[in-house]
Amino acid sequence: MIDVSRLLLYIHAHPAGFVQDLSASANYVVTRIEVGLNPRGLTISNDGHRLFVANRLDDTISVIDTRTNKVTATIKLDGPKNISTLRHGEQTFYTAHYSFQGQIGCANCHIDSTFDGIT
């Protein structure tokens, strides 16, 4: 979750070169909410109290309470029961768990990479 006011203050205080600083996000990211694998889509309820996150690589939808910033439910979709080697490789390719501050995965540079034989 990003505090937009803090982000704007940081950008104005560091007008040049802050995009190269991987630690910059510590100044405006206020919390991280663990959701499923490869979150790809968001929608918010009409009342603004629930954020729904579509997690492509584990076939789930995370439901986040926007007042507490906590996942309150995970809806399982009818995805594959057994994870193939190819699917597991794609899950690894898209995760940010192995990177500095958990910010980026291989797929951040290889945008929308899919089953191309490399993953």
N, C-alpha and C. Protein backbone atom coordinates (compact mmCIF):
# COMPACT_ATOMS: atom_id res chain seq x y z
N MET A 1 0.84 -1.16 0.00
CA MET A 1 0.00 0.00 0.00
C MET A 1 0.89 1.23 0.00
N ILE A 2 0.61 2.13 -0.88
CA ILE A 2 1.42 3.34 -1.04
C ILE A 2 0.67 4.53 -0.47
N ASP A 3 1.38 5.32 0.32
CA ASP A 3 0.84 6.59 0.81
C ASP A 3 1.18 7.62 -0.26
N VAL A 4 0.17 8.01 -1.03
CA VAL A 4 0.39 8.88 -2.18
C VAL A 4 0.97 10.23 -1.75
N SER A 5 0.50 10.78 -0.64
CA SER A 5 1.04 12.06 -0.17
C SER A 5 2.54 11.95 0.11
N ARG A 6 2.94 10.86 0.78
CA ARG A 6 4.36 10.65 1.07
C ARG A 6 5.15 10.43 -0.22
N LEU A 7 4.56 9.72 -1.17
CA LEU A 7 5.23 9.49 -2.45
C LEU A 7 5.48 10.82 -3.16
N LEU A 8 4.47 11.67 -3.22
CA LEU A 8 4.63 12.96 -3.89
C LEU A 8 5.67 13.84 -3.19
N LEU A 9 5.66 13.85 -1.87
CA LEU A 9 6.68 14.60 -1.13
C LEU A 9 8.08 14.07 -1.46
N TYR A 10 8.21 12.75 -1.51
CA TYR A 10 9.51 12.14 -1.80
C TYR A 10 9.96 12.50 -3.23
N ILE A 11 9.05 12.41 -4.17
CA ILE A 11 9.40 12.73 -5.56
C ILE A 11 9.86 14.18 -5.69
N HIS A 12 9.15 15.08 -5.04
CA HIS A 12 9.52 16.50 -5.13
C HIS A 12 10.84 16.79 -4.41
N ALA A 13 11.15 16.04 -3.37
CA ALA A 13 12.41 16.23 -2.65
C ALA A 13 13.59 15.60 -3.38
N HIS A 14 13.31 14.65 -4.27
CA HIS A 14 14.36 13.94 -5.02
C HIS A 14 14.01 13.95 -6.51
N PRO A 15 14.02 15.11 -7.14
CA PRO A 15 13.53 15.22 -8.52
C PRO A 15 14.35 14.44 -9.55
N ALA A 16 15.59 14.17 -9.25
CA ALA A 16 16.42 13.47 -10.24
C ALA A 16 16.99 12.20 -9.64
N GLY A 17 16.80 11.12 -10.35
CA GLY A 17 17.51 9.90 -10.00
C GLY A 17 16.91 9.01 -8.93
N PHE A 18 15.78 9.36 -8.32
CA PHE A 18 15.28 8.48 -7.27
C PHE A 18 14.78 7.15 -7.83
N VAL A 19 14.45 7.09 -9.10
CA VAL A 19 13.97 5.84 -9.68
C VAL A 19 15.05 4.77 -9.70
N GLN A 20 16.31 5.16 -9.60
CA GLN A 20 17.40 4.19 -9.57
C GLN A 20 17.66 3.65 -8.16
N ASP A 21 17.05 4.22 -7.17
CA ASP A 21 17.27 3.86 -5.77
C ASP A 21 16.25 2.83 -5.32
N LEU A 22 16.66 1.58 -5.22
CA LEU A 22 15.74 0.51 -4.84
C LEU A 22 15.22 0.65 -3.41
N SER A 23 15.91 1.40 -2.58
CA SER A 23 15.45 1.58 -1.20
C SER A 23 14.47 2.74 -1.06
N ALA A 24 14.22 3.47 -2.14
CA ALA A 24 13.34 4.65 -2.07
C ALA A 24 11.94 4.29 -1.60
N SER A 25 11.45 3.12 -1.95
CA SER A 25 10.07 2.76 -1.59
C SER A 25 9.84 2.71 -0.09
N ALA A 26 10.88 2.57 0.70
CA ALA A 26 10.73 2.56 2.16
C ALA A 26 10.19 3.89 2.66
N ASN A 27 10.24 4.92 1.83
CA ASN A 27 9.75 6.25 2.22
C ASN A 27 8.26 6.45 1.98
N TYR A 28 7.64 5.59 1.19
CA TYR A 28 6.22 5.79 0.88
C TYR A 28 5.38 4.51 0.85
N VAL A 29 6.00 3.34 0.85
CA VAL A 29 5.23 2.10 0.98
C VAL A 29 4.98 1.90 2.47
N VAL A 30 3.72 1.93 2.87
CA VAL A 30 3.39 1.88 4.29
C VAL A 30 3.06 0.48 4.78
N THR A 31 2.65 -0.39 3.90
CA THR A 31 2.43 -1.79 4.27
C THR A 31 2.39 -2.64 3.02
N ARG A 32 2.66 -3.90 3.21
CA ARG A 32 2.56 -4.88 2.11
C ARG A 32 1.49 -5.88 2.52
N ILE A 33 0.63 -6.19 1.60
CA ILE A 33 -0.46 -7.12 1.87
C ILE A 33 -0.21 -8.38 1.05
N GLU A 34 0.00 -9.48 1.74
CA GLU A 34 0.26 -10.75 1.07
C GLU A 34 -1.01 -11.26 0.41
N VAL A 35 -0.96 -11.44 -0.89
CA VAL A 35 -2.06 -12.02 -1.63
C VAL A 35 -1.54 -13.26 -2.34
N GLY A 36 -2.27 -13.77 -3.30
CA GLY A 36 -1.85 -14.98 -4.01
C GLY A 36 -0.75 -14.72 -5.01
N LEU A 37 -0.49 -15.72 -5.83
CA LEU A 37 0.60 -15.66 -6.80
C LEU A 37 0.20 -14.90 -8.06
N ASN A 38 1.05 -13.96 -8.44
CA ASN A 38 0.89 -13.16 -9.66
C ASN A 38 -0.42 -12.39 -9.69
N PRO A 39 -0.59 -11.46 -8.74
CA PRO A 39 -1.80 -10.64 -8.76
C PRO A 39 -1.84 -9.79 -10.03
N ARG A 40 -2.96 -9.87 -10.75
CA ARG A 40 -3.03 -9.22 -12.06
C ARG A 40 -4.16 -8.22 -12.19
N GLY A 41 -5.21 -8.36 -11.43
CA GLY A 41 -6.33 -7.46 -11.60
C GLY A 41 -6.92 -7.04 -10.27
N LEU A 42 -7.44 -5.83 -10.23
CA LEU A 42 -8.04 -5.30 -9.01
C LEU A 42 -9.41 -4.74 -9.33
N THR A 43 -10.30 -4.84 -8.37
CA THR A 43 -11.56 -4.12 -8.43
C THR A 43 -11.98 -3.83 -7.00
N ILE A 44 -12.73 -2.78 -6.82
CA ILE A 44 -13.14 -2.39 -5.48
C ILE A 44 -14.66 -2.42 -5.40
N SER A 45 -15.18 -2.78 -4.24
CA SER A 45 -16.63 -2.83 -4.06
C SER A 45 -17.22 -1.43 -4.15
N ASN A 46 -18.51 -1.36 -4.41
CA ASN A 46 -19.17 -0.06 -4.55
C ASN A 46 -19.02 0.81 -3.31
N ASP A 47 -19.01 0.19 -2.12
CA ASP A 47 -18.89 0.97 -0.89
C ASP A 47 -17.44 1.29 -0.53
N GLY A 48 -16.47 0.74 -1.30
CA GLY A 48 -15.06 1.01 -1.08
C GLY A 48 -14.44 0.25 0.09
N HIS A 49 -15.18 -0.67 0.68
CA HIS A 49 -14.68 -1.39 1.86
C HIS A 49 -13.96 -2.70 1.54
N ARG A 50 -14.10 -3.18 0.31
CA ARG A 50 -13.44 -4.43 -0.07
C ARG A 50 -12.73 -4.25 -1.40
N LEU A 51 -11.48 -4.72 -1.43
CA LEU A 51 -10.69 -4.73 -2.65
C LEU A 51 -10.52 -6.19 -3.04
N PHE A 52 -10.81 -6.50 -4.30
CA PHE A 52 -10.70 -7.87 -4.80
C PHE A 52 -9.48 -7.94 -5.72
N VAL A 53 -8.62 -8.93 -5.46
CA VAL A 53 -7.39 -9.09 -6.23
C VAL A 53 -7.41 -10.44 -6.92
N ALA A 54 -7.32 -10.44 -8.24
CA ALA A 54 -7.27 -11.69 -9.01
C ALA A 54 -5.83 -12.18 -9.05
N ASN A 55 -5.61 -13.38 -8.53
CA ASN A 55 -4.28 -13.98 -8.47
C ASN A 55 -4.18 -15.05 -9.55
N ARG A 56 -3.54 -14.71 -10.64
CA ARG A 56 -3.54 -15.54 -11.85
C ARG A 56 -2.90 -16.91 -11.66
N LEU A 57 -1.79 -16.98 -10.95
CA LEU A 57 -1.05 -18.24 -10.93
C LEU A 57 -1.41 -19.18 -9.79
N ASP A 58 -2.33 -18.82 -8.95
CA ASP A 58 -2.85 -19.83 -8.01
C ASP A 58 -4.37 -19.89 -8.06
N ASP A 59 -4.94 -19.27 -9.10
CA ASP A 59 -6.38 -19.37 -9.36
C ASP A 59 -7.22 -19.05 -8.13
N THR A 60 -6.95 -17.87 -7.55
CA THR A 60 -7.70 -17.42 -6.39
C THR A 60 -8.04 -15.94 -6.54
N ILE A 61 -8.94 -15.49 -5.70
CA ILE A 61 -9.24 -14.08 -5.55
C ILE A 61 -9.06 -13.74 -4.08
N SER A 62 -8.21 -12.77 -3.79
CA SER A 62 -8.02 -12.30 -2.41
C SER A 62 -9.00 -11.16 -2.15
N VAL A 63 -9.65 -11.20 -1.00
CA VAL A 63 -10.57 -10.15 -0.60
C VAL A 63 -9.90 -9.38 0.54
N ILE A 64 -9.68 -8.10 0.33
CA ILE A 64 -8.99 -7.26 1.31
C ILE A 64 -9.96 -6.25 1.90
N ASP A 65 -9.99 -6.17 3.22
CA ASP A 65 -10.76 -5.14 3.91
C ASP A 65 -9.95 -3.85 3.83
N THR A 66 -10.46 -2.83 3.15
CA THR A 66 -9.70 -1.60 2.95
C THR A 66 -9.60 -0.75 4.21
N ARG A 67 -10.38 -1.07 5.22
CA ARG A 67 -10.30 -0.32 6.48
C ARG A 67 -9.17 -0.85 7.36
N THR A 68 -8.86 -2.15 7.22
CA THR A 68 -7.81 -2.75 8.05
C THR A 68 -6.58 -3.15 7.24
N ASN A 69 -6.71 -3.13 5.91
CA ASN A 69 -5.64 -3.58 5.00
C ASN A 69 -5.22 -5.02 5.26
N LYS A 70 -6.18 -5.85 5.56
CA LYS A 70 -5.96 -7.27 5.81
C LYS A 70 -6.78 -8.10 4.83
N VAL A 71 -6.22 -9.25 4.45
CA VAL A 71 -6.98 -10.19 3.63
C VAL A 71 -8.00 -10.86 4.54
N THR A 72 -9.27 -10.75 4.18
CA THR A 72 -10.33 -11.34 5.00
C THR A 72 -10.83 -12.66 4.44
N ALA A 73 -10.56 -12.91 3.16
CA ALA A 73 -10.99 -14.16 2.54
C ALA A 73 -10.16 -14.43 1.30
N THR A 74 -10.07 -15.69 0.96
CA THR A 74 -9.46 -16.10 -0.30
C THR A 74 -10.45 -17.03 -0.98
N ILE A 75 -10.87 -16.64 -2.17
CA ILE A 75 -11.84 -17.42 -2.92
C ILE A 75 -11.07 -18.30 -3.90
N LYS A 76 -11.24 -19.60 -3.75
CA LYS A 76 -10.57 -20.53 -4.67
C LYS A 76 -11.41 -20.70 -5.92
N LEU A 77 -10.76 -20.59 -7.06
CA LEU A 77 -11.42 -20.82 -8.33
C LEU A 77 -11.12 -22.26 -8.76
N ASP A 78 -11.71 -22.70 -9.81
CA ASP A 78 -11.56 -24.09 -10.23
C ASP A 78 -10.31 -24.27 -11.09
N GLY A 79 -9.14 -24.07 -10.46
CA GLY A 79 -7.88 -24.23 -11.17
C GLY A 79 -7.41 -25.67 -11.16
N PRO A 80 -6.25 -25.92 -11.74
CA PRO A 80 -5.73 -27.29 -11.78
C PRO A 80 -5.45 -27.83 -10.37
N LYS A 81 -5.75 -29.09 -10.18
CA LYS A 81 -5.51 -29.74 -8.88
C LYS A 81 -4.03 -30.06 -8.69
N ASN A 82 -3.36 -30.43 -9.76
CA ASN A 82 -1.92 -30.74 -9.71
C ASN A 82 -1.16 -29.64 -10.45
N ILE A 83 -0.11 -29.15 -9.82
CA ILE A 83 0.71 -28.11 -10.44
C ILE A 83 1.80 -28.77 -11.28
N SER A 84 1.79 -28.49 -12.57
CA SER A 84 2.79 -29.05 -13.47
C SER A 84 4.14 -28.37 -13.23
N THR A 85 5.18 -28.98 -13.74
CA THR A 85 6.52 -28.40 -13.65
C THR A 85 6.55 -27.04 -14.35
N LEU A 86 5.88 -26.95 -15.47
CA LEU A 86 5.82 -25.70 -16.22
C LEU A 86 5.12 -24.61 -15.42
N ARG A 87 4.01 -24.95 -14.79
CA ARG A 87 3.28 -23.97 -13.97
C ARG A 87 4.11 -23.55 -12.76
N HIS A 88 4.79 -24.51 -12.13
CA HIS A 88 5.64 -24.17 -10.99
C HIS A 88 6.78 -23.24 -11.42
N GLY A 89 7.34 -23.48 -12.59
CA GLY A 89 8.38 -22.59 -13.11
C GLY A 89 7.85 -21.19 -13.34
N GLU A 90 6.64 -21.10 -13.85
CA GLU A 90 6.04 -19.78 -14.07
C GLU A 90 5.76 -19.09 -12.74
N GLN A 91 5.31 -19.82 -11.73
CA GLN A 91 5.09 -19.25 -10.40
C GLN A 91 6.40 -18.68 -9.85
N THR A 92 7.49 -19.38 -10.04
CA THR A 92 8.80 -18.91 -9.58
C THR A 92 9.24 -17.68 -10.37
N PHE A 93 9.01 -17.68 -11.67
CA PHE A 93 9.38 -16.58 -12.55
C PHE A 93 8.68 -15.28 -12.16
N TYR A 94 7.43 -15.38 -11.71
CA TYR A 94 6.64 -14.21 -11.39
C TYR A 94 6.74 -13.76 -9.94
N THR A 95 7.35 -14.53 -9.07
CA THR A 95 7.38 -14.14 -7.66
C THR A 95 8.42 -13.05 -7.38
N ALA A 96 8.13 -12.25 -6.38
CA ALA A 96 9.08 -11.22 -5.94
C ALA A 96 9.71 -11.61 -4.61
N HIS A 97 9.43 -12.79 -4.12
CA HIS A 97 9.92 -13.22 -2.80
C HIS A 97 11.45 -13.29 -2.72
N TYR A 98 12.12 -13.44 -3.83
CA TYR A 98 13.57 -13.62 -3.81
C TYR A 98 14.34 -12.32 -4.02
N SER A 99 13.62 -11.22 -4.20
CA SER A 99 14.30 -9.97 -4.54
C SER A 99 14.43 -9.03 -3.34
N PHE A 100 15.23 -8.01 -3.54
CA PHE A 100 15.43 -6.98 -2.53
C PHE A 100 14.08 -6.35 -2.16
N GLN A 101 13.73 -6.35 -0.91
CA GLN A 101 12.49 -5.82 -0.37
C GLN A 101 11.24 -6.44 -0.99
N GLY A 102 11.38 -7.57 -1.66
CA GLY A 102 10.23 -8.23 -2.25
C GLY A 102 9.48 -7.38 -3.26
N GLN A 103 10.23 -6.59 -4.02
CA GLN A 103 9.59 -5.62 -4.91
C GLN A 103 9.44 -6.09 -6.34
N ILE A 104 10.37 -6.90 -6.84
CA ILE A 104 10.33 -7.24 -8.25
C ILE A 104 10.61 -8.72 -8.47
N GLY A 105 10.09 -9.24 -9.53
CA GLY A 105 10.39 -10.61 -9.96
C GLY A 105 10.93 -10.55 -11.37
N CYS A 106 11.36 -11.66 -11.88
CA CYS A 106 11.89 -11.70 -13.25
C CYS A 106 10.90 -11.14 -14.25
N ALA A 107 9.62 -11.40 -14.00
CA ALA A 107 8.59 -10.97 -14.94
C ALA A 107 8.43 -9.46 -15.00
N ASN A 108 8.98 -8.72 -14.03
CA ASN A 108 8.89 -7.27 -14.09
C ASN A 108 9.62 -6.72 -15.31
N CYS A 109 10.70 -7.37 -15.71
CA CYS A 109 11.42 -6.96 -16.90
C CYS A 109 10.92 -7.69 -18.14
N HIS A 110 10.43 -8.89 -17.95
CA HIS A 110 9.93 -9.72 -19.05
C HIS A 110 8.41 -9.68 -18.99
N ILE A 111 7.86 -8.53 -19.32
CA ILE A 111 6.44 -8.26 -19.14
C ILE A 111 5.59 -9.24 -19.95
N ASP A 112 4.58 -9.79 -19.27
CA ASP A 112 3.63 -10.74 -19.84
C ASP A 112 4.29 -11.95 -20.50
N SER A 113 5.42 -12.34 -19.95
CA SER A 113 6.04 -13.58 -20.42
C SER A 113 5.12 -14.73 -20.03
N THR A 114 4.97 -15.65 -20.93
CA THR A 114 4.11 -16.81 -20.66
C THR A 114 4.89 -18.04 -21.02
N PHE A 115 4.22 -19.08 -21.37
CA PHE A 115 4.88 -20.36 -21.63
C PHE A 115 5.70 -20.28 -22.90
N ASP A 116 6.90 -19.77 -22.77
CA ASP A 116 7.76 -19.58 -23.93
C ASP A 116 8.95 -20.56 -23.93
N GLY A 117 8.95 -21.49 -22.99
CA GLY A 117 10.04 -22.44 -22.90
C GLY A 117 11.19 -21.93 -22.05
N ILE A 118 11.23 -20.64 -21.75
CA ILE A 118 12.31 -20.08 -20.94
C ILE A 118 12.00 -20.24 -19.46
N THR A 119 10.75 -20.01 -19.06
CA THR A 119 10.41 -20.12 -17.65
C THR A 119 10.36 -21.56 -17.23
